Amino acid sequence: LRRRNSKSNTETMKTAVFASLIAAATAFAPVTQKASSHSALRAFEDELGAQPPLNFYDPLGLVADGDEAKFNRLRYVELKHGRIAMIAVAGYLSAEAGYRFDGDIAIGGPAFADIPNGFAALSAIPSAGFWQIIAFIGFLEVAVMKDIVGGEFPGDLRNDYIDFGWDTFSEEEKLQKRAIELNNGRAAQMGILGLMVHEQLGVPILPGV
């Protein structure tokens, strides 16, 4: 009887231990998953561009998995679009103010001075000239504006060819200048969008001009 009771107690203890292990695993699994997800969300909170009032802002969850390679790719695209937008804003406002190149845009005309600003310029430029512009942009995209040697940061396209004194700056100055470029690019993307919308609404871009 004692042996039977001892055996029964042993089996009961084994069952209890096994059940405890299952309960422990079940209890801790969601916590681990939550912690991992939380860590992924916090992975880029201290990155360049994460600043008040929004701080790190990723409403679509594009880098919620904490993938650094994906983040660097998106940061490079953001910088490139910002650089294009800054040039676009400067060109748009310069043309709106009346600045034009001398001479003709094509053999036999029309003259640069006859090309209107904004969307109307697309139909005023001769087709051959329009496709030359597209080809030139494609050339820049494929052969020039790319990181060939592995830059210091996403968007570093110097490729050991030009420097403009960058290496003379301290690390704090470099970070500050990169932040300035990033923020100006963000503002320019909103700015060129606003300029195009205003044009379509018929609102004067430069009052009095």
N, C-alpha and C. Protein backbone atom coordinates (compact mmCIF):
# COMPACT_ATOMS: atom_id res chain seq x y z
N LEU A 1 0.83 -1.20 0.00
CA LEU A 1 0.00 0.00 0.00
C LEU A 1 0.88 1.26 0.00
N ARG A 2 1.96 1.21 0.81
CA ARG A 2 2.87 2.34 0.86
C ARG A 2 3.52 2.57 -0.50
N ARG A 3 3.93 1.40 -1.15
CA ARG A 3 4.55 1.53 -2.46
C ARG A 3 3.58 2.15 -3.47
N ARG A 4 2.30 1.69 -3.37
CA ARG A 4 1.30 2.21 -4.30
C ARG A 4 1.10 3.70 -4.06
N ASN A 5 1.03 4.10 -2.79
CA ASN A 5 0.86 5.52 -2.48
C ASN A 5 2.06 6.34 -2.91
N SER A 6 3.26 5.76 -2.73
CA SER A 6 4.48 6.46 -3.11
C SER A 6 4.53 6.66 -4.63
N LYS A 7 4.15 5.60 -5.35
CA LYS A 7 4.14 5.68 -6.80
C LYS A 7 3.12 6.71 -7.27
N SER A 8 1.95 6.69 -6.59
CA SER A 8 0.90 7.65 -6.96
C SER A 8 1.34 9.08 -6.70
N ASN A 9 2.01 9.29 -5.56
CA ASN A 9 2.51 10.63 -5.24
C ASN A 9 3.56 11.10 -6.24
N THR A 10 4.41 10.15 -6.67
CA THR A 10 5.46 10.49 -7.65
C THR A 10 4.83 10.94 -8.97
N GLU A 11 3.82 10.16 -9.42
CA GLU A 11 3.15 10.51 -10.67
C GLU A 11 2.45 11.85 -10.55
N THR A 12 1.86 12.09 -9.36
CA THR A 12 1.18 13.36 -9.16
C THR A 12 2.16 14.53 -9.20
N MET A 13 3.33 14.33 -8.58
CA MET A 13 4.36 15.37 -8.58
C MET A 13 4.87 15.64 -10.00
N LYS A 14 5.06 14.56 -10.77
CA LYS A 14 5.51 14.73 -12.15
C LYS A 14 4.49 15.53 -12.96
N THR A 15 3.22 15.17 -12.76
CA THR A 15 2.16 15.89 -13.48
C THR A 15 2.12 17.35 -13.08
N ALA A 16 2.29 17.60 -11.77
CA ALA A 16 2.26 18.98 -11.28
C ALA A 16 3.43 19.78 -11.83
N VAL A 17 4.62 19.16 -11.84
CA VAL A 17 5.80 19.85 -12.37
C VAL A 17 5.63 20.15 -13.85
N PHE A 18 5.13 19.17 -14.61
CA PHE A 18 4.91 19.35 -16.04
C PHE A 18 3.90 20.46 -16.31
N ALA A 19 2.81 20.46 -15.53
CA ALA A 19 1.79 21.50 -15.69
C ALA A 19 2.36 22.86 -15.34
N SER A 20 3.21 22.90 -14.34
CA SER A 20 3.83 24.18 -13.94
C SER A 20 4.73 24.72 -15.05
N LEU A 21 5.47 23.79 -15.68
CA LEU A 21 6.35 24.22 -16.77
C LEU A 21 5.55 24.78 -17.94
N ILE A 22 4.44 24.11 -18.27
CA ILE A 22 3.58 24.61 -19.35
C ILE A 22 3.01 25.97 -19.00
N ALA A 23 2.55 26.11 -17.76
CA ALA A 23 1.99 27.38 -17.32
C ALA A 23 3.03 28.49 -17.36
N ALA A 24 4.24 28.16 -16.96
CA ALA A 24 5.30 29.16 -16.97
C ALA A 24 5.64 29.61 -18.39
N ALA A 25 5.71 28.60 -19.29
CA ALA A 25 6.01 28.93 -20.68
C ALA A 25 4.90 29.78 -21.29
N THR A 26 3.65 29.42 -20.98
CA THR A 26 2.52 30.18 -21.51
C THR A 26 2.50 31.60 -20.96
N ALA A 27 2.87 31.73 -19.71
CA ALA A 27 2.83 33.05 -19.07
C ALA A 27 3.90 33.97 -19.61
N PHE A 28 5.07 33.40 -19.88
CA PHE A 28 6.19 34.26 -20.28
C PHE A 28 6.27 34.50 -21.79
N ALA A 29 5.66 33.66 -22.59
CA ALA A 29 5.75 33.83 -24.04
C ALA A 29 5.23 35.17 -24.52
N PRO A 30 4.02 35.60 -24.13
CA PRO A 30 3.53 36.90 -24.60
C PRO A 30 4.39 38.06 -24.13
N VAL A 31 4.94 37.96 -22.91
CA VAL A 31 5.77 39.03 -22.39
C VAL A 31 7.02 39.18 -23.23
N THR A 32 7.63 38.05 -23.60
CA THR A 32 8.82 38.09 -24.44
C THR A 32 8.52 38.70 -25.79
N GLN A 33 7.39 38.31 -26.37
CA GLN A 33 7.01 38.85 -27.66
C GLN A 33 6.75 40.35 -27.57
N LYS A 34 6.09 40.76 -26.51
CA LYS A 34 5.79 42.17 -26.32
C LYS A 34 7.08 42.97 -26.14
N ALA A 35 8.00 42.41 -25.35
CA ALA A 35 9.26 43.10 -25.13
C ALA A 35 10.05 43.24 -26.42
N SER A 36 10.03 42.15 -27.25
CA SER A 36 10.74 42.20 -28.52
C SER A 36 10.14 43.25 -29.44
N SER A 37 8.80 43.29 -29.50
CA SER A 37 8.13 44.28 -30.33
C SER A 37 8.42 45.69 -29.84
N HIS A 38 8.40 45.86 -28.51
CA HIS A 38 8.67 47.17 -27.94
C HIS A 38 10.09 47.61 -28.24
N SER A 39 11.04 46.67 -28.17
CA SER A 39 12.43 47.00 -28.47
C SER A 39 12.59 47.40 -29.93
N ALA A 40 11.85 46.73 -30.83
CA ALA A 40 11.93 47.07 -32.25
C ALA A 40 11.43 48.48 -32.49
N LEU A 41 10.34 48.84 -31.80
CA LEU A 41 9.78 50.18 -31.98
C LEU A 41 10.72 51.26 -31.46
N ARG A 42 11.52 50.91 -30.43
CA ARG A 42 12.43 51.87 -29.83
C ARG A 42 13.79 51.90 -30.54
N ALA A 43 13.97 51.05 -31.55
CA ALA A 43 15.30 50.91 -32.16
C ALA A 43 15.80 52.19 -32.79
N PHE A 44 14.89 53.02 -33.30
CA PHE A 44 15.29 54.20 -34.05
C PHE A 44 14.84 55.50 -33.39
N GLU A 45 14.46 55.43 -32.12
CA GLU A 45 13.96 56.63 -31.45
C GLU A 45 15.03 57.70 -31.25
N ASP A 46 16.30 57.30 -31.26
CA ASP A 46 17.39 58.26 -31.08
C ASP A 46 18.10 58.58 -32.39
N GLU A 47 17.52 58.15 -33.51
CA GLU A 47 18.14 58.41 -34.80
C GLU A 47 17.99 59.87 -35.20
N LEU A 48 18.85 60.30 -36.12
CA LEU A 48 18.78 61.65 -36.66
C LEU A 48 17.39 61.90 -37.26
N GLY A 49 16.80 63.03 -36.92
CA GLY A 49 15.49 63.38 -37.45
C GLY A 49 14.35 63.07 -36.51
N ALA A 50 14.59 62.27 -35.48
CA ALA A 50 13.57 62.00 -34.47
C ALA A 50 13.61 63.12 -33.45
N GLN A 51 12.72 64.09 -33.58
CA GLN A 51 12.78 65.30 -32.77
C GLN A 51 11.38 65.81 -32.46
N PRO A 52 11.24 66.66 -31.44
CA PRO A 52 9.94 67.20 -31.09
C PRO A 52 9.35 68.00 -32.26
N PRO A 53 8.03 68.07 -32.39
CA PRO A 53 7.05 67.53 -31.44
C PRO A 53 6.67 66.08 -31.69
N LEU A 54 7.02 65.52 -32.85
CA LEU A 54 6.57 64.16 -33.18
C LEU A 54 7.55 63.09 -32.72
N ASN A 55 8.83 63.49 -32.50
CA ASN A 55 9.88 62.53 -32.17
C ASN A 55 9.97 61.48 -33.28
N PHE A 56 10.15 60.20 -32.91
CA PHE A 56 10.19 59.16 -33.94
C PHE A 56 8.76 58.88 -34.40
N TYR A 57 8.50 59.12 -35.69
CA TYR A 57 7.13 59.05 -36.20
C TYR A 57 7.08 58.07 -37.37
N ASP A 58 6.45 56.94 -37.16
CA ASP A 58 6.31 55.92 -38.19
C ASP A 58 4.89 55.38 -38.15
N PRO A 59 3.91 56.19 -38.59
CA PRO A 59 2.49 55.78 -38.47
C PRO A 59 2.14 54.53 -39.27
N LEU A 60 2.88 54.25 -40.34
CA LEU A 60 2.60 53.08 -41.16
C LEU A 60 3.36 51.84 -40.69
N GLY A 61 4.20 52.00 -39.69
CA GLY A 61 4.95 50.86 -39.17
C GLY A 61 5.94 50.28 -40.17
N LEU A 62 6.55 51.12 -40.99
CA LEU A 62 7.47 50.63 -42.03
C LEU A 62 8.73 50.00 -41.44
N VAL A 63 9.16 50.48 -40.28
CA VAL A 63 10.36 49.91 -39.66
C VAL A 63 10.04 49.40 -38.26
N ALA A 64 8.80 48.95 -38.07
CA ALA A 64 8.40 48.45 -36.76
C ALA A 64 9.14 47.16 -36.39
N ASP A 65 9.71 46.48 -37.39
CA ASP A 65 10.44 45.25 -37.11
C ASP A 65 11.88 45.50 -36.70
N GLY A 66 12.29 46.78 -36.68
CA GLY A 66 13.65 47.11 -36.26
C GLY A 66 14.72 46.79 -37.27
N ASP A 67 14.35 46.59 -38.53
CA ASP A 67 15.30 46.26 -39.59
C ASP A 67 16.14 47.49 -39.93
N GLU A 68 17.42 47.47 -39.57
CA GLU A 68 18.28 48.64 -39.79
C GLU A 68 18.54 48.89 -41.27
N ALA A 69 18.70 47.81 -42.06
CA ALA A 69 18.94 47.98 -43.49
C ALA A 69 17.75 48.68 -44.16
N LYS A 70 16.54 48.30 -43.76
CA LYS A 70 15.35 48.95 -44.32
C LYS A 70 15.28 50.41 -43.90
N PHE A 71 15.62 50.67 -42.65
CA PHE A 71 15.61 52.06 -42.16
C PHE A 71 16.61 52.91 -42.95
N ASN A 72 17.81 52.39 -43.17
CA ASN A 72 18.83 53.15 -43.90
C ASN A 72 18.40 53.40 -45.34
N ARG A 73 17.73 52.43 -45.94
CA ARG A 73 17.23 52.60 -47.30
C ARG A 73 16.16 53.70 -47.35
N LEU A 74 15.24 53.68 -46.40
CA LEU A 74 14.19 54.70 -46.36
C LEU A 74 14.77 56.07 -46.05
N ARG A 75 15.78 56.13 -45.20
CA ARG A 75 16.42 57.40 -44.89
C ARG A 75 17.12 57.96 -46.13
N TYR A 76 17.77 57.08 -46.90
CA TYR A 76 18.42 57.51 -48.14
C TYR A 76 17.39 58.08 -49.12
N VAL A 77 16.26 57.40 -49.26
CA VAL A 77 15.19 57.87 -50.16
C VAL A 77 14.64 59.21 -49.68
N GLU A 78 14.47 59.34 -48.35
CA GLU A 78 13.96 60.60 -47.80
C GLU A 78 14.92 61.74 -48.11
N LEU A 79 16.21 61.51 -47.92
CA LEU A 79 17.20 62.54 -48.21
C LEU A 79 17.22 62.92 -49.69
N LYS A 80 17.15 61.91 -50.55
CA LYS A 80 17.18 62.19 -51.99
C LYS A 80 15.96 63.00 -52.41
N HIS A 81 14.79 62.61 -51.92
CA HIS A 81 13.58 63.37 -52.25
C HIS A 81 13.65 64.79 -51.70
N GLY A 82 14.24 64.93 -50.51
CA GLY A 82 14.38 66.26 -49.93
C GLY A 82 15.32 67.13 -50.73
N ARG A 83 16.41 66.56 -51.23
CA ARG A 83 17.36 67.33 -52.05
C ARG A 83 16.71 67.77 -53.36
N ILE A 84 15.98 66.85 -53.98
CA ILE A 84 15.28 67.20 -55.22
C ILE A 84 14.26 68.30 -54.96
N ALA A 85 13.54 68.19 -53.84
CA ALA A 85 12.51 69.18 -53.52
C ALA A 85 13.13 70.55 -53.25
N MET A 86 14.30 70.59 -52.60
CA MET A 86 14.95 71.88 -52.35
C MET A 86 15.33 72.55 -53.66
N ILE A 87 15.87 71.77 -54.61
CA ILE A 87 16.20 72.33 -55.92
C ILE A 87 14.93 72.78 -56.64
N ALA A 88 13.87 71.98 -56.50
CA ALA A 88 12.61 72.31 -57.16
C ALA A 88 12.02 73.62 -56.65
N VAL A 89 12.05 73.81 -55.33
CA VAL A 89 11.52 75.06 -54.75
C VAL A 89 12.33 76.25 -55.24
N ALA A 90 13.66 76.13 -55.21
CA ALA A 90 14.51 77.23 -55.66
C ALA A 90 14.27 77.55 -57.13
N GLY A 91 14.18 76.51 -57.97
CA GLY A 91 13.93 76.72 -59.39
C GLY A 91 12.56 77.29 -59.66
N TYR A 92 11.57 76.79 -58.94
CA TYR A 92 10.19 77.27 -59.14
C TYR A 92 10.08 78.75 -58.81
N LEU A 93 10.62 79.14 -57.68
CA LEU A 93 10.52 80.55 -57.26
C LEU A 93 11.36 81.45 -58.16
N SER A 94 12.52 80.97 -58.61
CA SER A 94 13.35 81.77 -59.51
C SER A 94 12.64 82.02 -60.83
N ALA A 95 12.03 80.96 -61.39
CA ALA A 95 11.30 81.11 -62.65
C ALA A 95 10.07 81.99 -62.47
N GLU A 96 9.41 81.85 -61.32
CA GLU A 96 8.22 82.67 -61.05
C GLU A 96 8.60 84.14 -60.94
N ALA A 97 9.80 84.41 -60.45
CA ALA A 97 10.27 85.79 -60.32
C ALA A 97 10.74 86.38 -61.65
N GLY A 98 10.78 85.55 -62.71
CA GLY A 98 11.11 86.04 -64.03
C GLY A 98 12.52 85.77 -64.52
N TYR A 99 13.30 85.02 -63.75
CA TYR A 99 14.67 84.73 -64.16
C TYR A 99 14.67 83.64 -65.24
N ARG A 100 15.37 83.88 -66.33
CA ARG A 100 15.47 82.93 -67.44
C ARG A 100 16.89 82.96 -68.01
N PHE A 101 17.27 81.83 -68.65
CA PHE A 101 18.52 81.81 -69.40
C PHE A 101 18.35 82.68 -70.65
N ASP A 102 19.48 83.14 -71.17
CA ASP A 102 19.46 83.84 -72.45
C ASP A 102 19.37 82.84 -73.59
N GLY A 103 18.93 83.30 -74.74
CA GLY A 103 18.92 82.46 -75.94
C GLY A 103 17.69 81.59 -76.06
N ASP A 104 17.82 80.60 -76.96
CA ASP A 104 16.70 79.70 -77.26
C ASP A 104 16.87 78.37 -76.55
N ILE A 105 15.76 77.75 -76.24
CA ILE A 105 15.79 76.44 -75.59
C ILE A 105 16.05 75.34 -76.60
N ALA A 106 15.81 75.62 -77.88
CA ALA A 106 16.06 74.67 -78.95
C ALA A 106 16.44 75.44 -80.21
N ILE A 107 17.01 74.72 -81.19
CA ILE A 107 17.38 75.37 -82.45
C ILE A 107 16.11 75.89 -83.13
N GLY A 108 16.06 77.15 -83.42
CA GLY A 108 14.89 77.74 -84.04
C GLY A 108 13.84 78.18 -83.05
N GLY A 109 14.15 78.12 -81.74
CA GLY A 109 13.21 78.58 -80.73
C GLY A 109 12.36 77.46 -80.17
N PRO A 110 11.56 77.75 -79.20
CA PRO A 110 11.32 79.08 -78.61
C PRO A 110 12.44 79.53 -77.68
N ALA A 111 12.38 80.79 -77.29
CA ALA A 111 13.38 81.34 -76.37
C ALA A 111 13.06 80.92 -74.95
N PHE A 112 14.09 80.87 -74.13
CA PHE A 112 13.86 80.56 -72.72
C PHE A 112 12.87 81.54 -72.11
N ALA A 113 12.95 82.80 -72.55
CA ALA A 113 12.08 83.83 -71.99
C ALA A 113 10.61 83.59 -72.30
N ASP A 114 10.34 82.77 -73.34
CA ASP A 114 8.95 82.50 -73.73
C ASP A 114 8.36 81.29 -73.01
N ILE A 115 9.18 80.58 -72.24
CA ILE A 115 8.69 79.39 -71.52
C ILE A 115 8.02 79.84 -70.23
N PRO A 116 6.75 79.52 -70.05
CA PRO A 116 6.06 79.92 -68.83
C PRO A 116 6.54 79.12 -67.63
N ASN A 117 6.10 79.50 -66.46
CA ASN A 117 6.49 78.80 -65.24
C ASN A 117 5.47 77.72 -64.91
N GLY A 118 5.88 76.79 -64.05
CA GLY A 118 4.95 75.80 -63.52
C GLY A 118 4.56 74.73 -64.53
N PHE A 119 3.35 74.21 -64.37
CA PHE A 119 2.86 73.12 -65.20
C PHE A 119 2.80 73.49 -66.68
N ALA A 120 2.56 74.76 -66.98
CA ALA A 120 2.45 75.20 -68.37
C ALA A 120 3.74 75.00 -69.13
N ALA A 121 4.87 74.94 -68.43
CA ALA A 121 6.16 74.76 -69.10
C ALA A 121 6.25 73.38 -69.75
N LEU A 122 5.55 72.40 -69.23
CA LEU A 122 5.64 71.04 -69.76
C LEU A 122 5.17 70.97 -71.20
N SER A 123 4.14 71.73 -71.52
CA SER A 123 3.63 71.71 -72.90
C SER A 123 4.34 72.72 -73.80
N ALA A 124 5.07 73.65 -73.20
CA ALA A 124 5.76 74.68 -73.99
C ALA A 124 7.15 74.24 -74.43
N ILE A 125 7.75 73.31 -73.71
CA ILE A 125 9.09 72.82 -74.06
C ILE A 125 8.97 71.86 -75.25
N PRO A 126 9.77 72.02 -76.28
CA PRO A 126 9.74 71.08 -77.41
C PRO A 126 9.95 69.64 -76.92
N SER A 127 9.31 68.70 -77.59
CA SER A 127 9.35 67.30 -77.14
C SER A 127 10.78 66.76 -77.05
N ALA A 128 11.63 67.12 -78.02
CA ALA A 128 13.02 66.65 -77.99
C ALA A 128 13.73 67.16 -76.74
N GLY A 129 13.49 68.43 -76.40
CA GLY A 129 14.09 68.98 -75.19
C GLY A 129 13.56 68.33 -73.93
N PHE A 130 12.26 68.03 -73.93
CA PHE A 130 11.66 67.37 -72.76
C PHE A 130 12.30 66.01 -72.51
N TRP A 131 12.49 65.22 -73.59
CA TRP A 131 13.08 63.89 -73.42
C TRP A 131 14.56 63.97 -73.10
N GLN A 132 15.21 65.03 -73.53
CA GLN A 132 16.61 65.23 -73.12
C GLN A 132 16.70 65.45 -71.61
N ILE A 133 15.75 66.19 -71.08
CA ILE A 133 15.73 66.42 -69.63
C ILE A 133 15.52 65.10 -68.89
N ILE A 134 14.57 64.30 -69.37
CA ILE A 134 14.31 63.00 -68.75
C ILE A 134 15.54 62.11 -68.83
N ALA A 135 16.22 62.10 -69.98
CA ALA A 135 17.42 61.28 -70.15
C ALA A 135 18.54 61.73 -69.21
N PHE A 136 18.67 63.04 -69.04
CA PHE A 136 19.72 63.56 -68.16
C PHE A 136 19.44 63.18 -66.71
N ILE A 137 18.18 63.27 -66.30
CA ILE A 137 17.81 62.85 -64.94
C ILE A 137 18.10 61.37 -64.75
N GLY A 138 17.78 60.55 -65.77
CA GLY A 138 18.07 59.12 -65.68
C GLY A 138 19.55 58.84 -65.57
N PHE A 139 20.35 59.59 -66.31
CA PHE A 139 21.81 59.44 -66.23
C PHE A 139 22.32 59.76 -64.84
N LEU A 140 21.83 60.85 -64.26
CA LEU A 140 22.23 61.22 -62.91
C LEU A 140 21.84 60.13 -61.91
N GLU A 141 20.65 59.58 -62.08
CA GLU A 141 20.15 58.57 -61.15
C GLU A 141 20.96 57.29 -61.22
N VAL A 142 21.33 56.89 -62.44
CA VAL A 142 22.00 55.60 -62.64
C VAL A 142 23.50 55.68 -62.41
N ALA A 143 24.13 56.77 -62.85
CA ALA A 143 25.59 56.81 -62.89
C ALA A 143 26.25 57.78 -61.93
N VAL A 144 25.53 58.77 -61.44
CA VAL A 144 26.18 59.83 -60.65
C VAL A 144 25.69 59.85 -59.21
N MET A 145 24.41 60.04 -59.02
CA MET A 145 23.86 60.22 -57.68
C MET A 145 23.64 58.88 -56.99
N LYS A 146 24.74 58.20 -56.68
CA LYS A 146 24.65 56.91 -56.01
C LYS A 146 25.88 56.69 -55.15
N ASP A 147 25.71 55.88 -54.12
CA ASP A 147 26.81 55.57 -53.22
C ASP A 147 27.58 54.40 -53.79
N ILE A 148 28.79 54.66 -54.27
CA ILE A 148 29.58 53.62 -54.93
C ILE A 148 30.56 52.96 -53.97
N VAL A 149 31.18 53.74 -53.10
CA VAL A 149 32.26 53.21 -52.26
C VAL A 149 31.80 52.88 -50.84
N GLY A 150 30.56 53.18 -50.51
CA GLY A 150 30.09 52.95 -49.14
C GLY A 150 30.33 54.19 -48.30
N GLY A 151 29.33 55.05 -48.24
CA GLY A 151 29.49 56.34 -47.60
C GLY A 151 29.51 56.27 -46.08
N GLU A 152 29.75 57.42 -45.49
CA GLU A 152 29.83 57.54 -44.03
C GLU A 152 28.46 57.39 -43.39
N PHE A 153 27.40 57.73 -44.14
CA PHE A 153 26.03 57.66 -43.64
C PHE A 153 25.10 57.55 -44.84
N PRO A 154 23.85 57.13 -44.65
CA PRO A 154 22.91 57.07 -45.78
C PRO A 154 22.77 58.44 -46.44
N GLY A 155 22.95 58.47 -47.76
CA GLY A 155 22.88 59.72 -48.49
C GLY A 155 24.23 60.37 -48.73
N ASP A 156 25.31 59.77 -48.22
CA ASP A 156 26.66 60.30 -48.46
C ASP A 156 27.11 59.85 -49.85
N LEU A 157 27.08 60.77 -50.81
CA LEU A 157 27.39 60.44 -52.20
C LEU A 157 28.71 61.05 -52.66
N ARG A 158 29.60 61.34 -51.72
CA ARG A 158 30.88 61.94 -52.11
C ARG A 158 31.75 60.97 -52.88
N ASN A 159 31.70 59.69 -52.53
CA ASN A 159 32.43 58.64 -53.24
C ASN A 159 33.93 58.92 -53.35
N ASP A 160 34.49 59.49 -52.27
CA ASP A 160 35.93 59.80 -52.21
C ASP A 160 36.38 60.73 -53.34
N TYR A 161 35.45 61.51 -53.87
CA TYR A 161 35.77 62.38 -55.00
C TYR A 161 35.71 63.85 -54.61
N ILE A 162 34.66 64.25 -53.91
CA ILE A 162 34.52 65.63 -53.44
C ILE A 162 34.31 65.61 -51.93
N ASP A 163 34.64 66.72 -51.30
CA ASP A 163 34.56 66.75 -49.84
C ASP A 163 33.92 68.03 -49.32
N PHE A 164 34.23 69.17 -49.93
CA PHE A 164 33.71 70.47 -49.51
C PHE A 164 34.00 70.77 -48.05
N GLY A 165 35.11 70.24 -47.54
CA GLY A 165 35.51 70.51 -46.17
C GLY A 165 34.78 69.70 -45.12
N TRP A 166 34.06 68.66 -45.53
CA TRP A 166 33.26 67.89 -44.58
C TRP A 166 34.11 67.27 -43.48
N ASP A 167 35.26 66.75 -43.84
CA ASP A 167 36.10 66.06 -42.86
C ASP A 167 36.77 67.01 -41.87
N THR A 168 36.64 68.31 -42.08
CA THR A 168 37.20 69.28 -41.13
C THR A 168 36.24 69.55 -39.98
N PHE A 169 34.98 69.11 -40.10
CA PHE A 169 34.00 69.36 -39.05
C PHE A 169 34.13 68.32 -37.93
N SER A 170 33.74 68.74 -36.73
CA SER A 170 33.68 67.80 -35.61
C SER A 170 32.45 66.91 -35.78
N GLU A 171 32.38 65.85 -34.98
CA GLU A 171 31.24 64.94 -35.08
C GLU A 171 29.93 65.66 -34.74
N GLU A 172 29.98 66.59 -33.77
CA GLU A 172 28.78 67.35 -33.41
C GLU A 172 28.34 68.26 -34.56
N GLU A 173 29.30 68.88 -35.23
CA GLU A 173 28.98 69.76 -36.36
C GLU A 173 28.42 68.95 -37.53
N LYS A 174 28.98 67.78 -37.77
CA LYS A 174 28.47 66.92 -38.84
C LYS A 174 27.03 66.53 -38.57
N LEU A 175 26.74 66.14 -37.33
CA LEU A 175 25.38 65.75 -36.98
C LEU A 175 24.42 66.91 -37.13
N GLN A 176 24.86 68.10 -36.73
CA GLN A 176 24.01 69.28 -36.86
C GLN A 176 23.72 69.60 -38.32
N LYS A 177 24.72 69.53 -39.17
CA LYS A 177 24.53 69.85 -40.59
C LYS A 177 23.67 68.80 -41.28
N ARG A 178 23.82 67.55 -40.88
CA ARG A 178 22.96 66.51 -41.45
C ARG A 178 21.51 66.72 -41.03
N ALA A 179 21.31 67.15 -39.78
CA ALA A 179 19.95 67.42 -39.31
C ALA A 179 19.35 68.60 -40.05
N ILE A 180 20.15 69.62 -40.31
CA ILE A 180 19.67 70.79 -41.05
C ILE A 180 19.24 70.39 -42.45
N GLU A 181 20.07 69.58 -43.12
CA GLU A 181 19.71 69.14 -44.47
C GLU A 181 18.43 68.32 -44.46
N LEU A 182 18.32 67.41 -43.51
CA LEU A 182 17.14 66.54 -43.43
C LEU A 182 15.87 67.37 -43.21
N ASN A 183 15.93 68.31 -42.28
CA ASN A 183 14.75 69.13 -41.98
C ASN A 183 14.41 70.08 -43.12
N ASN A 184 15.43 70.68 -43.75
CA ASN A 184 15.16 71.54 -44.90
C ASN A 184 14.55 70.74 -46.05
N GLY A 185 15.01 69.50 -46.22
CA GLY A 185 14.44 68.65 -47.25
C GLY A 185 12.99 68.30 -46.98
N ARG A 186 12.68 68.02 -45.72
CA ARG A 186 11.28 67.75 -45.35
C ARG A 186 10.40 68.96 -45.61
N ALA A 187 10.91 70.15 -45.23
CA ALA A 187 10.15 71.38 -45.45
C ALA A 187 9.97 71.64 -46.95
N ALA A 188 11.02 71.35 -47.73
CA ALA A 188 10.94 71.60 -49.17
C ALA A 188 9.95 70.67 -49.85
N GLN A 189 9.84 69.44 -49.38
CA GLN A 189 8.85 68.53 -49.96
C GLN A 189 7.43 69.05 -49.75
N MET A 190 7.17 69.56 -48.57
CA MET A 190 5.87 70.18 -48.33
C MET A 190 5.74 71.49 -49.10
N GLY A 191 6.87 72.22 -49.24
CA GLY A 191 6.85 73.50 -49.93
C GLY A 191 6.53 73.37 -51.40
N ILE A 192 7.17 72.44 -52.11
CA ILE A 192 6.91 72.30 -53.54
C ILE A 192 5.50 71.79 -53.78
N LEU A 193 5.01 70.93 -52.88
CA LEU A 193 3.62 70.49 -52.99
C LEU A 193 2.67 71.67 -52.84
N GLY A 194 2.95 72.54 -51.86
CA GLY A 194 2.12 73.72 -51.66
C GLY A 194 2.16 74.66 -52.85
N LEU A 195 3.34 74.84 -53.46
CA LEU A 195 3.47 75.71 -54.63
C LEU A 195 2.64 75.19 -55.80
N MET A 196 2.68 73.87 -56.01
CA MET A 196 1.92 73.29 -57.12
C MET A 196 0.42 73.41 -56.89
N VAL A 197 0.00 73.19 -55.64
CA VAL A 197 -1.43 73.33 -55.32
C VAL A 197 -1.89 74.77 -55.50
N HIS A 198 -1.08 75.71 -55.04
CA HIS A 198 -1.43 77.13 -55.19
C HIS A 198 -1.54 77.51 -56.67
N GLU A 199 -0.63 76.99 -57.47
CA GLU A 199 -0.70 77.29 -58.90
C GLU A 199 -2.01 76.80 -59.51
N GLN A 200 -2.39 75.57 -59.17
CA GLN A 200 -3.63 75.02 -59.72
C GLN A 200 -4.87 75.75 -59.21
N LEU A 201 -4.76 76.33 -58.03
CA LEU A 201 -5.88 77.10 -57.47
C LEU A 201 -5.91 78.53 -58.00
N GLY A 202 -4.88 78.92 -58.71
CA GLY A 202 -4.81 80.28 -59.25
C GLY A 202 -4.39 81.32 -58.24
N VAL A 203 -3.76 80.88 -57.16
CA VAL A 203 -3.30 81.81 -56.12
C VAL A 203 -1.91 82.31 -56.50
N PRO A 204 -1.65 83.62 -56.46
CA PRO A 204 -0.32 84.14 -56.80
C PRO A 204 0.77 83.53 -55.89
N ILE A 205 1.82 83.05 -56.53
CA ILE A 205 2.91 82.44 -55.77
C ILE A 205 3.74 83.51 -55.08
N LEU A 206 4.11 84.56 -55.84
CA LEU A 206 4.87 85.68 -55.31
C LEU A 206 4.02 86.94 -55.46
N PRO A 207 3.38 87.39 -54.41
CA PRO A 207 2.53 88.58 -54.51
C PRO A 207 3.27 89.77 -55.08
N GLY A 208 2.66 90.42 -56.04
CA GLY A 208 3.25 91.62 -56.62
C GLY A 208 4.20 91.36 -57.76
N VAL A 209 4.45 90.06 -58.09
CA VAL A 209 5.35 89.75 -59.18
C VAL A 209 4.54 89.37 -60.42
